[in-house]
Amino acid sequence: MHNAAFFIKYKLNHVIFWLLIFGLWFMLRYEDYDTPAIAFKVTFVKLVDLVLMVYITNNLLIPFFLYKKKYGVFILLFLIMILLSSAIKMYIVGQLTHDPPIFSTGGDLKGRIYDNFIPHFFLVIAGASFKLMFDQLNLQKKMAELAKDKAEAELNFLKSQINPHFLFNSLNSVYFLIDKSNADARQALHKFSDMLRYQLYEANGEKIPIEKEIGYLQDYVHLQQLRKDENYKVQFNCSQEVKNFSIEPLLLIPFVENAFKHISHKIQGDNFVKLDMTRSNGYFEFTVENSCEKGIDTTEQHGGIGMNNVKRRLELLYPGTHQLNIIDSDDRFKIDLKLKI
């Protein structure tokens, strides 16, 4: 609802702005034409022409060419657009005002170029300048938010460190207290210790090798499997190509936590969690799917920053370089995340 309201307000502001431009344009130039009706039509044609060029430049040329450093293509397409738009506008205005054929080389050709091409060029450049300015402001805002979130995360991390050396020494003591015949308990405690060490010591940096992040996920999944019986099936698939790149630490675990938190409890039927990781065409794809039951209480909640927070992290850390798709049906919940690497 908030996004919809913002979208409507955003569009309404644009409509009001262009209506004001239309009114001002008409008032300043209506005396140049034979009748107010012709002046109205000509002004409308000129405004529509300008609006189309501004939005094509701001929504297509700048994002897909200028921001991707295809400067030559951007300039070429920009000039072609200006030329075509000027010619089409002159032709339509010529028909409305009953001027001589617009494509004639006779008459005041330089004047027509000055009155059409030059104003188009600078007006569209002005619109593009506003686009670049607002994008820069939004980027600075996102960078400030990212810096703030990082500082808060570091502060929370420091608060959560309760003498880690004492903690690991205590875990080692518990490990040796467990009977050697109880291999499962020893293995579970060992994996828990590895996970804790990863969170405390290795997940502090901005990036982490994907191999370590996968190892952390494997340990977490193994601990969850120990808590489930044979009615719960867990699949962990990772292709061999998923290696030799880095991602933000602890980025994937909230999705896995969510899957185990909301897994179904069917006595008859499949209760499952499936994890798949692949790499192709410069993208890392991470898929988590779990069975679920609508209207049934979920299992106990695990720790984690939550789904909403991880979506926010993706927006801040991977702006324009990630795709997150969520499929929520009656019997299954699926998350498909693609990261450009």
C-alpha atoms as a PDB file:
ATOM      1  CA  MET A   1       0.000   0.000   0.000  1.00  0.00           C
ATOM      2  CA  HIS A   2       2.843   2.389   0.845  1.00  0.00           C
ATOM      3  CA  ASN A   3       4.592   1.691  -2.491  1.00  0.00           C
ATOM      4  CA  ALA A   4       1.317   2.132  -4.405  1.00  0.00           C
ATOM      5  CA  ALA A   5       0.641   5.475  -2.695  1.00  0.00           C
ATOM      6  CA  PHE A   6       4.168   6.651  -3.453  1.00  0.00           C
ATOM      7  CA  PHE A   7       3.797   5.595  -7.108  1.00  0.00           C
ATOM      8  CA  ILE A   8       0.492   7.475  -7.473  1.00  0.00           C
ATOM      9  CA  LYS A   9       1.957  10.590  -5.820  1.00  0.00           C
ATOM     10  CA  TYR A  10       5.034  10.354  -8.063  1.00  0.00           C
ATOM     11  CA  LYS A  11       2.928  10.140 -11.245  1.00  0.00           C
ATOM     12  CA  LEU A  12       0.581  12.902 -10.074  1.00  0.00           C
ATOM     13  CA  ASN A  13       3.516  15.237  -9.512  1.00  0.00           C
ATOM     14  CA  HIS A  14       4.692  14.595 -13.064  1.00  0.00           C
ATOM     15  CA  VAL A  15       1.232  15.261 -14.508  1.00  0.00           C
ATOM     16  CA  ILE A  16       0.927  18.551 -12.593  1.00  0.00           C
ATOM     17  CA  PHE A  17       4.406  19.625 -13.701  1.00  0.00           C
ATOM     18  CA  TRP A  18       3.683  19.046 -17.397  1.00  0.00           C
ATOM     19  CA  LEU A  19       0.286  20.732 -17.156  1.00  0.00           C
ATOM     20  CA  LEU A  20       1.996  23.812 -15.736  1.00  0.00           C
ATOM     21  CA  ILE A  21       4.527  23.742 -18.569  1.00  0.00           C
ATOM     22  CA  PHE A  22       1.677  23.444 -21.084  1.00  0.00           C
ATOM     23  CA  GLY A  23      -0.205  26.397 -19.587  1.00  0.00           C
ATOM     24  CA  LEU A  24       2.882  28.597 -19.472  1.00  0.00           C
ATOM     25  CA  TRP A  25       3.896  27.632 -23.006  1.00  0.00           C
ATOM     26  CA  PHE A  26       0.411  28.357 -24.359  1.00  0.00           C
ATOM     27  CA  MET A  27       0.156  31.751 -22.623  1.00  0.00           C
ATOM     28  CA  LEU A  28       3.518  32.898 -23.963  1.00  0.00           C
ATOM     29  CA  ARG A  29       3.008  31.797 -27.582  1.00  0.00           C
ATOM     30  CA  TYR A  30      -0.711  31.773 -28.399  1.00  0.00           C
ATOM     31  CA  GLU A  31      -0.516  35.202 -30.063  1.00  0.00           C
ATOM     32  CA  ASP A  32       1.934  33.809 -32.632  1.00  0.00           C
ATOM     33  CA  TYR A  33      -0.848  31.808 -34.326  1.00  0.00           C
ATOM     34  CA  ASP A  34      -4.006  32.722 -36.237  1.00  0.00           C
ATOM     35  CA  THR A  35      -6.456  31.388 -33.647  1.00  0.00           C
ATOM     36  CA  PRO A  36      -6.290  30.163 -30.038  1.00  0.00           C
ATOM     37  CA  ALA A  37      -7.485  26.731 -31.247  1.00  0.00           C
ATOM     38  CA  ILE A  38      -4.471  26.360 -33.525  1.00  0.00           C
ATOM     39  CA  ALA A  39      -2.205  27.648 -30.753  1.00  0.00           C
ATOM     40  CA  PHE A  40      -3.663  25.029 -28.385  1.00  0.00           C
ATOM     41  CA  LYS A  41      -3.074  22.176 -30.867  1.00  0.00           C
ATOM     42  CA  VAL A  42       0.468  23.291 -31.691  1.00  0.00           C
ATOM     43  CA  THR A  43       1.359  23.660 -28.014  1.00  0.00           C
ATOM     44  CA  PHE A  44      -0.071  20.207 -27.280  1.00  0.00           C
ATOM     45  CA  VAL A  45       1.991  18.637 -30.091  1.00  0.00           C
ATOM     46  CA  LYS A  46       5.166  20.350 -28.887  1.00  0.00           C
ATOM     47  CA  LEU A  47       4.571  19.291 -25.278  1.00  0.00           C
ATOM     48  CA  VAL A  48       3.872  15.648 -26.169  1.00  0.00           C
ATOM     49  CA  ASP A  49       6.978  15.644 -28.349  1.00  0.00           C
ATOM     50  CA  LEU A  50       9.105  16.999 -25.491  1.00  0.00           C
ATOM     51  CA  VAL A  51       7.597  14.625 -22.911  1.00  0.00           C
ATOM     52  CA  LEU A  52       8.329  11.593 -25.090  1.00  0.00           C
ATOM     53  CA  MET A  53      11.948  12.612 -25.629  1.00  0.00           C
ATOM     54  CA  VAL A  54      12.540  13.359 -21.944  1.00  0.00           C
ATOM     55  CA  TYR A  55      11.138  10.019 -20.759  1.00  0.00           C
ATOM     56  CA  ILE A  56      12.862   8.018 -23.498  1.00  0.00           C
ATOM     57  CA  THR A  57      16.157   9.640 -22.514  1.00  0.00           C
ATOM     58  CA  ASN A  58      15.663   9.282 -18.751  1.00  0.00           C
ATOM     59  CA  ASN A  59      14.121   5.800 -18.674  1.00  0.00           C
ATOM     60  CA  LEU A  60      15.886   4.085 -21.585  1.00  0.00           C
ATOM     61  CA  LEU A  61      18.970   5.844 -22.906  1.00  0.00           C
ATOM     62  CA  ILE A  62      20.503   6.842 -19.564  1.00  0.00           C
ATOM     63  CA  PRO A  63      19.966   3.553 -17.643  1.00  0.00           C
ATOM     64  CA  PHE A  64      20.788   1.173 -20.521  1.00  0.00           C
ATOM     65  CA  PHE A  65      23.596   3.056 -22.240  1.00  0.00           C
ATOM     66  CA  LEU A  66      25.015   6.002 -20.282  1.00  0.00           C
ATOM     67  CA  TYR A  67      25.131   4.190 -16.908  1.00  0.00           C
ATOM     68  CA  LYS A  68      26.626   1.118 -18.600  1.00  0.00           C
ATOM     69  CA  LYS A  69      29.387   3.312 -20.053  1.00  0.00           C
ATOM     70  CA  LYS A  70      28.267   2.874 -23.667  1.00  0.00           C
ATOM     71  CA  TYR A  71      28.891   6.547 -24.310  1.00  0.00           C
ATOM     72  CA  GLY A  72      29.187   6.376 -28.095  1.00  0.00           C
ATOM     73  CA  VAL A  73      25.919   4.484 -28.483  1.00  0.00           C
ATOM     74  CA  PHE A  74      24.209   6.886 -26.079  1.00  0.00           C
ATOM     75  CA  ILE A  75      25.293   9.998 -28.012  1.00  0.00           C
ATOM     76  CA  LEU A  76      24.387   8.452 -31.376  1.00  0.00           C
ATOM     77  CA  LEU A  77      20.915   7.351 -30.266  1.00  0.00           C
ATOM     78  CA  PHE A  78      20.326  10.671 -28.503  1.00  0.00           C
ATOM     79  CA  LEU A  79      21.120  12.693 -31.646  1.00  0.00           C
ATOM     80  CA  ILE A  80      19.056  10.382 -33.873  1.00  0.00           C
ATOM     81  CA  MET A  81      16.108  10.763 -31.500  1.00  0.00           C
ATOM     82  CA  ILE A  82      16.416  14.563 -31.544  1.00  0.00           C
ATOM     83  CA  LEU A  83      16.596  14.676 -35.357  1.00  0.00           C
ATOM     84  CA  LEU A  84      13.650  12.338 -35.913  1.00  0.00           C
ATOM     85  CA  SER A  85      11.547  14.004 -33.254  1.00  0.00           C
ATOM     86  CA  SER A  86      12.265  17.479 -34.642  1.00  0.00           C
ATOM     87  CA  ALA A  87      11.359  16.401 -38.181  1.00  0.00           C
ATOM     88  CA  ILE A  88       8.116  14.714 -37.098  1.00  0.00           C
ATOM     89  CA  LYS A  89       7.125  17.675 -34.934  1.00  0.00           C
ATOM     90  CA  MET A  90       7.838  20.172 -37.738  1.00  0.00           C
ATOM     91  CA  TYR A  91       5.773  18.125 -40.158  1.00  0.00           C
ATOM     92  CA  ILE A  92       2.763  17.939 -37.800  1.00  0.00           C
ATOM     93  CA  VAL A  93       2.991  21.629 -36.910  1.00  0.00           C
ATOM     94  CA  GLY A  94       3.271  22.467 -40.604  1.00  0.00           C
ATOM     95  CA  GLN A  95       0.057  20.572 -41.283  1.00  0.00           C
ATOM     96  CA  LEU A  96      -1.729  22.346 -38.432  1.00  0.00           C
ATOM     97  CA  THR A  97      -0.577  25.833 -39.460  1.00  0.00           C
ATOM     98  CA  HIS A  98      -0.804  25.233 -43.248  1.00  0.00           C
ATOM     99  CA  ASP A  99       2.858  26.104 -43.772  1.00  0.00           C
ATOM    100  CA  PRO A 100       4.797  25.074 -46.924  1.00  0.00           C
ATOM    101  CA  PRO A 101       6.079  21.472 -47.045  1.00  0.00           C
ATOM    102  CA  ILE A 102       8.327  21.055 -44.074  1.00  0.00           C
ATOM    103  CA  PHE A 103      10.995  18.983 -45.801  1.00  0.00           C
ATOM    104  CA  SER A 104      11.656  21.575 -48.467  1.00  0.00           C
ATOM    105  CA  THR A 105      15.235  22.813 -48.541  1.00  0.00           C
ATOM    106  CA  GLY A 106      14.021  26.250 -49.517  1.00  0.00           C
ATOM    107  CA  GLY A 107      12.880  28.972 -47.204  1.00  0.00           C
ATOM    108  CA  ASP A 108      14.414  29.672 -43.851  1.00  0.00           C
ATOM    109  CA  LEU A 109      16.055  26.278 -43.276  1.00  0.00           C
ATOM    110  CA  LYS A 110      18.509  27.652 -40.708  1.00  0.00           C
ATOM    111  CA  GLY A 111      15.643  29.269 -38.837  1.00  0.00           C
ATOM    112  CA  ARG A 112      13.701  26.010 -38.725  1.00  0.00           C
ATOM    113  CA  ILE A 113      16.770  24.214 -37.365  1.00  0.00           C
ATOM    114  CA  TYR A 114      17.299  26.946 -34.791  1.00  0.00           C
ATOM    115  CA  ASP A 115      13.643  26.924 -33.699  1.00  0.00           C
ATOM    116  CA  ASN A 116      13.324  23.124 -33.489  1.00  0.00           C
ATOM    117  CA  PHE A 117      16.526  21.103 -33.230  1.00  0.00           C
ATOM    118  CA  ILE A 118      18.451  23.443 -30.902  1.00  0.00           C
ATOM    119  CA  PRO A 119      15.595  23.896 -28.358  1.00  0.00           C
ATOM    120  CA  HIS A 120      14.949  20.135 -28.409  1.00  0.00           C
ATOM    121  CA  PHE A 121      18.594  19.435 -27.688  1.00  0.00           C
ATOM    122  CA  PHE A 122      18.863  21.749 -24.692  1.00  0.00           C
ATOM    123  CA  LEU A 123      15.414  21.020 -23.237  1.00  0.00           C
ATOM    124  CA  VAL A 124      16.033  17.269 -23.236  1.00  0.00           C
ATOM    125  CA  ILE A 125      19.517  17.823 -21.811  1.00  0.00           C
ATOM    126  CA  ALA A 126      17.890  19.826 -19.006  1.00  0.00           C
ATOM    127  CA  GLY A 127      15.481  16.965 -18.274  1.00  0.00           C
ATOM    128  CA  ALA A 128      18.373  14.494 -18.288  1.00  0.00           C
ATOM    129  CA  SER A 129      20.280  16.735 -15.875  1.00  0.00           C
ATOM    130  CA  PHE A 130      17.432  16.492 -13.362  1.00  0.00           C
ATOM    131  CA  LYS A 131      17.451  12.706 -13.783  1.00  0.00           C
ATOM    132  CA  LEU A 132      21.211  12.513 -13.168  1.00  0.00           C
ATOM    133  CA  MET A 133      20.962  14.853 -10.183  1.00  0.00           C
ATOM    134  CA  PHE A 134      18.160  12.890  -8.493  1.00  0.00           C
ATOM    135  CA  ASP A 135      19.905   9.562  -9.196  1.00  0.00           C
ATOM    136  CA  GLN A 136      23.073  10.907  -7.602  1.00  0.00           C
ATOM    137  CA  LEU A 137      21.128  12.080  -4.551  1.00  0.00           C
ATOM    138  CA  ASN A 138      19.422   8.674  -4.244  1.00  0.00           C
ATOM    139  CA  LEU A 139      22.804   6.940  -4.548  1.00  0.00           C
ATOM    140  CA  GLN A 140      24.254   9.113  -1.801  1.00  0.00           C
ATOM    141  CA  LYS A 141      21.206   8.380   0.358  1.00  0.00           C
ATOM    142  CA  LYS A 142      21.607   4.631  -0.168  1.00  0.00           C
ATOM    143  CA  MET A 143      25.323   4.841   0.609  1.00  0.00           C
ATOM    144  CA  ALA A 144      24.542   6.722   3.818  1.00  0.00           C
ATOM    145  CA  GLU A 145      21.921   4.126   4.768  1.00  0.00           C
ATOM    146  CA  LEU A 146      24.367   1.324   4.001  1.00  0.00           C
ATOM    147  CA  ALA A 147      27.043   2.958   6.144  1.00  0.00           C
ATOM    148  CA  LYS A 148      24.520   3.402   8.963  1.00  0.00           C
ATOM    149  CA  ASP A 149      23.305  -0.198   8.717  1.00  0.00           C
ATOM    150  CA  LYS A 150      26.893  -1.441   8.679  1.00  0.00           C
ATOM    151  CA  ALA A 151      27.756   0.613  11.751  1.00  0.00           C
ATOM    152  CA  GLU A 152      24.676  -0.690  13.574  1.00  0.00           C
ATOM    153  CA  ALA A 153      25.497  -4.252  12.563  1.00  0.00           C
ATOM    154  CA  GLU A 154      29.049  -3.871  13.833  1.00  0.00           C
ATOM    155  CA  LEU A 155      27.740  -2.417  17.104  1.00  0.00           C
ATOM    156  CA  ASN A 156      25.288  -5.281  17.532  1.00  0.00           C
ATOM    157  CA  PHE A 157      28.063  -7.707  16.727  1.00  0.00           C
ATOM    158  CA  LEU A 158      30.291  -6.219  19.407  1.00  0.00           C
ATOM    159  CA  LYS A 159      27.443  -6.344  21.905  1.00  0.00           C
ATOM    160  CA  SER A 160      26.841 -10.017  21.135  1.00  0.00           C
ATOM    161  CA  GLN A 161      30.451 -11.035  21.759  1.00  0.00           C
ATOM    162  CA  ILE A 162      30.491 -12.375  25.306  1.00  0.00           C
ATOM    163  CA  ASN A 163      34.113 -13.330  25.697  1.00  0.00           C
ATOM    164  CA  PRO A 164      34.318 -15.728  22.699  1.00  0.00           C
ATOM    165  CA  HIS A 165      37.467 -17.395  24.041  1.00  0.00           C
ATOM    166  CA  PHE A 166      35.593 -18.373  27.187  1.00  0.00           C
ATOM    167  CA  LEU A 167      32.691 -19.570  25.036  1.00  0.00           C
ATOM    168  CA  PHE A 168      34.859 -21.804  22.847  1.00  0.00           C
ATOM    169  CA  ASN A 169      36.699 -23.183  25.877  1.00  0.00           C
ATOM    170  CA  SER A 170      33.323 -24.045  27.412  1.00  0.00           C
ATOM    171  CA  LEU A 171      32.213 -25.798  24.215  1.00  0.00           C
ATOM    172  CA  ASN A 172      35.429 -27.817  24.181  1.00  0.00           C
ATOM    173  CA  SER A 173      34.805 -28.834  27.782  1.00  0.00           C
ATOM    174  CA  VAL A 174      31.271 -29.984  26.937  1.00  0.00           C
ATOM    175  CA  TYR A 175      32.634 -31.851  23.908  1.00  0.00           C
ATOM    176  CA  PHE A 176      34.982 -33.938  26.065  1.00  0.00           C
ATOM    177  CA  LEU A 177      32.246 -34.557  28.613  1.00  0.00           C
ATOM    178  CA  ILE A 178      30.132 -36.283  25.967  1.00  0.00           C
ATOM    179  CA  ASP A 179      30.680 -40.007  25.856  1.00  0.00           C
ATOM    180  CA  LYS A 180      32.855 -41.054  22.909  1.00  0.00           C
ATOM    181  CA  SER A 181      30.237 -43.562  21.826  1.00  0.00           C
ATOM    182  CA  ASN A 182      27.771 -40.713  21.218  1.00  0.00           C
ATOM    183  CA  ALA A 183      29.286 -39.693  17.870  1.00  0.00           C
ATOM    184  CA  ASP A 184      26.197 -37.787  16.721  1.00  0.00           C
ATOM    185  CA  ALA A 185      26.227 -35.485  19.720  1.00  0.00           C
ATOM    186  CA  ARG A 186      29.958 -34.841  19.380  1.00  0.00           C
ATOM    187  CA  GLN A 187      29.595 -34.124  15.664  1.00  0.00           C
ATOM    188  CA  ALA A 188      26.660 -31.769  16.247  1.00  0.00           C
ATOM    189  CA  LEU A 189      28.586 -29.828  18.895  1.00  0.00           C
ATOM    190  CA  HIS A 190      31.610 -29.656  16.602  1.00  0.00           C
ATOM    191  CA  LYS A 191      29.495 -28.224  13.768  1.00  0.00           C
ATOM    192  CA  PHE A 192      27.878 -25.749  16.118  1.00  0.00           C
ATOM    193  CA  SER A 193      31.339 -24.624  17.197  1.00  0.00           C
ATOM    194  CA  ASP A 194      32.375 -24.165  13.560  1.00  0.00           C
ATOM    195  CA  MET A 195      29.259 -22.097  12.855  1.00  0.00           C
ATOM    196  CA  LEU A 196      29.888 -19.902  15.867  1.00  0.00           C
ATOM    197  CA  ARG A 197      33.523 -19.400  14.877  1.00  0.00           C
ATOM    198  CA  TYR A 198      32.425 -18.402  11.366  1.00  0.00           C
ATOM    199  CA  GLN A 199      29.963 -15.833  12.715  1.00  0.00           C
ATOM    200  CA  LEU A 200      32.385 -14.375  15.245  1.00  0.00           C
ATOM    201  CA  TYR A 201      35.637 -14.300  13.314  1.00  0.00           C
ATOM    202  CA  GLU A 202      35.122 -14.765   9.579  1.00  0.00           C
ATOM    203  CA  ALA A 203      31.845 -13.022   8.781  1.00  0.00           C
ATOM    204  CA  ASN A 204      33.071  -9.572   9.816  1.00  0.00           C
ATOM    205  CA  GLY A 205      34.341  -8.418   6.436  1.00  0.00           C
ATOM    206  CA  GLU A 206      32.470  -6.977   3.505  1.00  0.00           C
ATOM    207  CA  LYS A 207      32.868 -10.113   1.379  1.00  0.00           C
ATOM    208  CA  ILE A 208      33.373 -13.789   2.090  1.00  0.00           C
ATOM    209  CA  PRO A 209      34.364 -16.645  -0.268  1.00  0.00           C
ATOM    210  CA  ILE A 210      31.283 -18.520  -1.420  1.00  0.00           C
ATOM    211  CA  GLU A 211      32.904 -21.796  -0.342  1.00  0.00           C
ATOM    212  CA  LYS A 212      32.883 -20.683   3.313  1.00  0.00           C
ATOM    213  CA  GLU A 213      29.304 -19.458   3.099  1.00  0.00           C
ATOM    214  CA  ILE A 214      28.243 -22.829   1.661  1.00  0.00           C
ATOM    215  CA  GLY A 215      30.114 -24.659   4.424  1.00  0.00           C
ATOM    216  CA  TYR A 216      28.222 -22.587   6.989  1.00  0.00           C
ATOM    217  CA  LEU A 217      24.905 -23.469   5.321  1.00  0.00           C
ATOM    218  CA  GLN A 218      25.814 -27.152   5.274  1.00  0.00           C
ATOM    219  CA  ASP A 219      26.543 -27.115   9.016  1.00  0.00           C
ATOM    220  CA  TYR A 220      23.240 -25.365   9.704  1.00  0.00           C
ATOM    221  CA  VAL A 221      21.274 -27.816   7.557  1.00  0.00           C
ATOM    222  CA  HIS A 222      22.977 -30.766   9.245  1.00  0.00           C
ATOM    223  CA  LEU A 223      21.986 -29.488  12.697  1.00  0.00           C
ATOM    224  CA  GLN A 224      18.409 -29.054  11.526  1.00  0.00           C
ATOM    225  CA  GLN A 225      18.348 -32.596  10.155  1.00  0.00           C
ATOM    226  CA  LEU A 226      19.279 -33.921  13.593  1.00  0.00           C
ATOM    227  CA  ARG A 227      16.090 -32.327  14.989  1.00  0.00           C
ATOM    228  CA  LYS A 228      13.790 -33.874  12.358  1.00  0.00           C
ATOM    229  CA  ASP A 229      12.615 -37.446  11.928  1.00  0.00           C
ATOM    230  CA  GLU A 230      12.294 -39.536   8.772  1.00  0.00           C
ATOM    231  CA  ASN A 231       9.096 -37.690   7.784  1.00  0.00           C
ATOM    232  CA  TYR A 232      11.237 -34.691   6.853  1.00  0.00           C
ATOM    233  CA  LYS A 233      13.407 -34.768   3.744  1.00  0.00           C
ATOM    234  CA  VAL A 234      16.233 -32.319   3.163  1.00  0.00           C
ATOM    235  CA  GLN A 235      18.107 -31.944  -0.128  1.00  0.00           C
ATOM    236  CA  PHE A 236      21.279 -29.873  -0.456  1.00  0.00           C
ATOM    237  CA  ASN A 237      22.513 -29.529  -4.037  1.00  0.00           C
ATOM    238  CA  CYS A 238      25.459 -27.365  -5.044  1.00  0.00           C
ATOM    239  CA  SER A 239      26.972 -27.528  -8.521  1.00  0.00           C
ATOM    240  CA  GLN A 240      30.734 -27.677  -8.979  1.00  0.00           C
ATOM    241  CA  GLU A 241      30.740 -24.310 -10.753  1.00  0.00           C
ATOM    242  CA  VAL A 242      29.794 -22.502  -7.523  1.00  0.00           C
ATOM    243  CA  LYS A 243      33.293 -21.423  -6.475  1.00  0.00           C
ATOM    244  CA  ASN A 244      35.956 -18.733  -6.815  1.00  0.00           C
ATOM    245  CA  PHE A 245      33.791 -15.702  -6.084  1.00  0.00           C
ATOM    246  CA  SER A 246      32.724 -13.775  -2.995  1.00  0.00           C
ATOM    247  CA  ILE A 247      29.404 -12.574  -1.584  1.00  0.00           C
ATOM    248  CA  GLU A 248      28.231 -10.656   1.442  1.00  0.00           C
ATOM    249  CA  PRO A 249      28.540 -12.814   4.595  1.00  0.00           C
ATOM    250  CA  LEU A 250      25.436 -14.367   6.148  1.00  0.00           C
ATOM    251  CA  LEU A 251      23.334 -13.247   3.186  1.00  0.00           C
ATOM    252  CA  LEU A 252      21.791 -16.646   2.411  1.00  0.00           C
ATOM    253  CA  ILE A 253      21.131 -18.064   5.868  1.00  0.00           C
ATOM    254  CA  PRO A 254      17.868 -16.110   6.515  1.00  0.00           C
ATOM    255  CA  PHE A 255      16.257 -17.837   3.521  1.00  0.00           C
ATOM    256  CA  VAL A 256      17.276 -21.254   4.844  1.00  0.00           C
ATOM    257  CA  GLU A 257      16.108 -20.380   8.356  1.00  0.00           C
ATOM    258  CA  ASN A 258      12.781 -19.309   6.931  1.00  0.00           C
ATOM    259  CA  ALA A 259      12.383 -22.636   5.100  1.00  0.00           C
ATOM    260  CA  PHE A 260      12.914 -24.707   8.259  1.00  0.00           C
ATOM    261  CA  LYS A 261      10.774 -22.342  10.319  1.00  0.00           C
ATOM    262  CA  HIS A 262       7.779 -22.762   8.016  1.00  0.00           C
ATOM    263  CA  ILE A 263       8.173 -26.401   6.997  1.00  0.00           C
ATOM    264  CA  SER A 264       4.977 -28.461   7.074  1.00  0.00           C
ATOM    265  CA  HIS A 265       4.185 -31.222   9.613  1.00  0.00           C
ATOM    266  CA  LYS A 266       2.173 -33.620   7.462  1.00  0.00           C
ATOM    267  CA  ILE A 267       1.738 -37.103   8.875  1.00  0.00           C
ATOM    268  CA  GLN A 268       1.021 -38.321   5.375  1.00  0.00           C
ATOM    269  CA  GLY A 269       2.666 -36.530   2.495  1.00  0.00           C
ATOM    270  CA  ASP A 270       5.947 -34.813   1.827  1.00  0.00           C
ATOM    271  CA  ASN A 271       7.625 -32.521   4.328  1.00  0.00           C
ATOM    272  CA  PHE A 272      10.729 -31.206   2.631  1.00  0.00           C
ATOM    273  CA  VAL A 273      13.338 -28.501   2.280  1.00  0.00           C
ATOM    274  CA  LYS A 274      15.297 -28.261  -0.981  1.00  0.00           C
ATOM    275  CA  LEU A 275      18.368 -26.103  -1.524  1.00  0.00           C
ATOM    276  CA  ASP A 276      19.916 -25.644  -4.964  1.00  0.00           C
ATOM    277  CA  MET A 277      22.930 -23.536  -5.922  1.00  0.00           C
ATOM    278  CA  THR A 278      24.143 -23.054  -9.480  1.00  0.00           C
ATOM    279  CA  ARG A 279      26.297 -20.638 -11.433  1.00  0.00           C
ATOM    280  CA  SER A 280      25.860 -19.684 -15.094  1.00  0.00           C
ATOM    281  CA  ASN A 281      26.175 -16.666 -17.411  1.00  0.00           C
ATOM    282  CA  GLY A 282      27.778 -14.520 -14.738  1.00  0.00           C
ATOM    283  CA  TYR A 283      25.021 -15.161 -12.177  1.00  0.00           C
ATOM    284  CA  PHE A 284      24.868 -17.148  -8.957  1.00  0.00           C
ATOM    285  CA  GLU A 285      21.399 -18.638  -8.462  1.00  0.00           C
ATOM    286  CA  PHE A 286      20.258 -19.730  -5.011  1.00  0.00           C
ATOM    287  CA  THR A 287      16.930 -21.526  -4.649  1.00  0.00           C
ATOM    288  CA  VAL A 288      15.222 -22.622  -1.425  1.00  0.00           C
ATOM    289  CA  GLU A 289      11.905 -24.436  -1.441  1.00  0.00           C
ATOM    290  CA  ASN A 290       9.936 -25.931   1.432  1.00  0.00           C
ATOM    291  CA  SER A 291       6.603 -27.621   1.936  1.00  0.00           C
ATOM    292  CA  CYS A 292       4.118 -25.684   4.024  1.00  0.00           C
ATOM    293  CA  GLU A 293       0.559 -25.790   5.359  1.00  0.00           C
ATOM    294  CA  LYS A 294      -1.555 -22.680   5.342  1.00  0.00           C
ATOM    295  CA  GLY A 295      -3.250 -21.928   8.643  1.00  0.00           C
ATOM    296  CA  ILE A 296      -1.011 -24.333  10.577  1.00  0.00           C
ATOM    297  CA  ASP A 297       1.373 -23.091  13.252  1.00  0.00           C
ATOM    298  CA  THR A 298       5.000 -23.137  12.118  1.00  0.00           C
ATOM    299  CA  THR A 299       7.883 -24.713  13.976  1.00  0.00           C
ATOM    300  CA  GLU A 300       9.767 -22.695  16.547  1.00  0.00           C
ATOM    301  CA  GLN A 301      11.409 -19.550  15.285  1.00  0.00           C
ATOM    302  CA  HIS A 302      15.132 -19.475  14.750  1.00  0.00           C
ATOM    303  CA  GLY A 303      17.421 -16.518  15.119  1.00  0.00           C
ATOM    304  CA  GLY A 304      18.174 -14.326  12.115  1.00  0.00           C
ATOM    305  CA  ILE A 305      17.559 -10.885  10.761  1.00  0.00           C
ATOM    306  CA  GLY A 306      14.310 -11.836   9.108  1.00  0.00           C
ATOM    307  CA  MET A 307      13.048 -11.855   5.559  1.00  0.00           C
ATOM    308  CA  ASN A 308      12.254  -8.143   5.366  1.00  0.00           C
ATOM    309  CA  ASN A 309      15.710  -7.182   6.568  1.00  0.00           C
ATOM    310  CA  VAL A 310      17.479  -9.447   4.099  1.00  0.00           C
ATOM    311  CA  LYS A 311      15.430  -7.922   1.263  1.00  0.00           C
ATOM    312  CA  ARG A 312      16.619  -4.522   2.439  1.00  0.00           C
ATOM    313  CA  ARG A 313      20.225  -5.752   2.546  1.00  0.00           C
ATOM    314  CA  LEU A 314      19.915  -6.933  -1.042  1.00  0.00           C
ATOM    315  CA  GLU A 315      18.593  -3.525  -2.132  1.00  0.00           C
ATOM    316  CA  LEU A 316      21.503  -1.770  -0.448  1.00  0.00           C
ATOM    317  CA  LEU A 317      24.323  -4.201  -1.249  1.00  0.00           C
ATOM    318  CA  TYR A 318      23.289  -5.376  -4.721  1.00  0.00           C
ATOM    319  CA  PRO A 319      21.368  -2.452  -6.286  1.00  0.00           C
ATOM    320  CA  GLY A 320      20.317  -3.396  -9.797  1.00  0.00           C
ATOM    321  CA  THR A 321      22.402  -6.591  -9.728  1.00  0.00           C
ATOM    322  CA  HIS A 322      20.021  -9.023  -8.054  1.00  0.00           C
ATOM    323  CA  GLN A 323      16.671 -10.642  -8.760  1.00  0.00           C
ATOM    324  CA  LEU A 324      14.530 -12.002  -5.940  1.00  0.00           C
ATOM    325  CA  ASN A 325      11.406 -13.992  -6.810  1.00  0.00           C
ATOM    326  CA  ILE A 326       9.078 -15.428  -4.156  1.00  0.00           C
ATOM    327  CA  ILE A 327       6.434 -18.044  -4.933  1.00  0.00           C
ATOM    328  CA  ASP A 328       3.945 -18.593  -2.112  1.00  0.00           C
ATOM    329  CA  SER A 329       1.330 -21.285  -2.809  1.00  0.00           C
ATOM    330  CA  ASP A 330      -0.908 -23.392  -0.591  1.00  0.00           C
ATOM    331  CA  ASP A 331       1.526 -26.268  -0.160  1.00  0.00           C
ATOM    332  CA  ARG A 332       4.967 -24.816  -0.879  1.00  0.00           C
ATOM    333  CA  PHE A 333       7.072 -21.715  -0.468  1.00  0.00           C
ATOM    334  CA  LYS A 334       9.923 -21.010  -2.880  1.00  0.00           C
ATOM    335  CA  ILE A 335      12.593 -18.339  -2.994  1.00  0.00           C
ATOM    336  CA  ASP A 336      14.751 -17.846  -6.073  1.00  0.00           C
ATOM    337  CA  LEU A 337      17.665 -15.419  -5.722  1.00  0.00           C
ATOM    338  CA  LYS A 338      20.003 -14.457  -8.569  1.00  0.00           C
ATOM    339  CA  LEU A 339      23.142 -12.410  -7.902  1.00  0.00           C
ATOM    340  CA  LYS A 340      25.384 -10.941 -10.564  1.00  0.00           C
ATOM    341  CA  ILE A 341      28.974 -11.922  -9.784  1.00  0.00           C
END
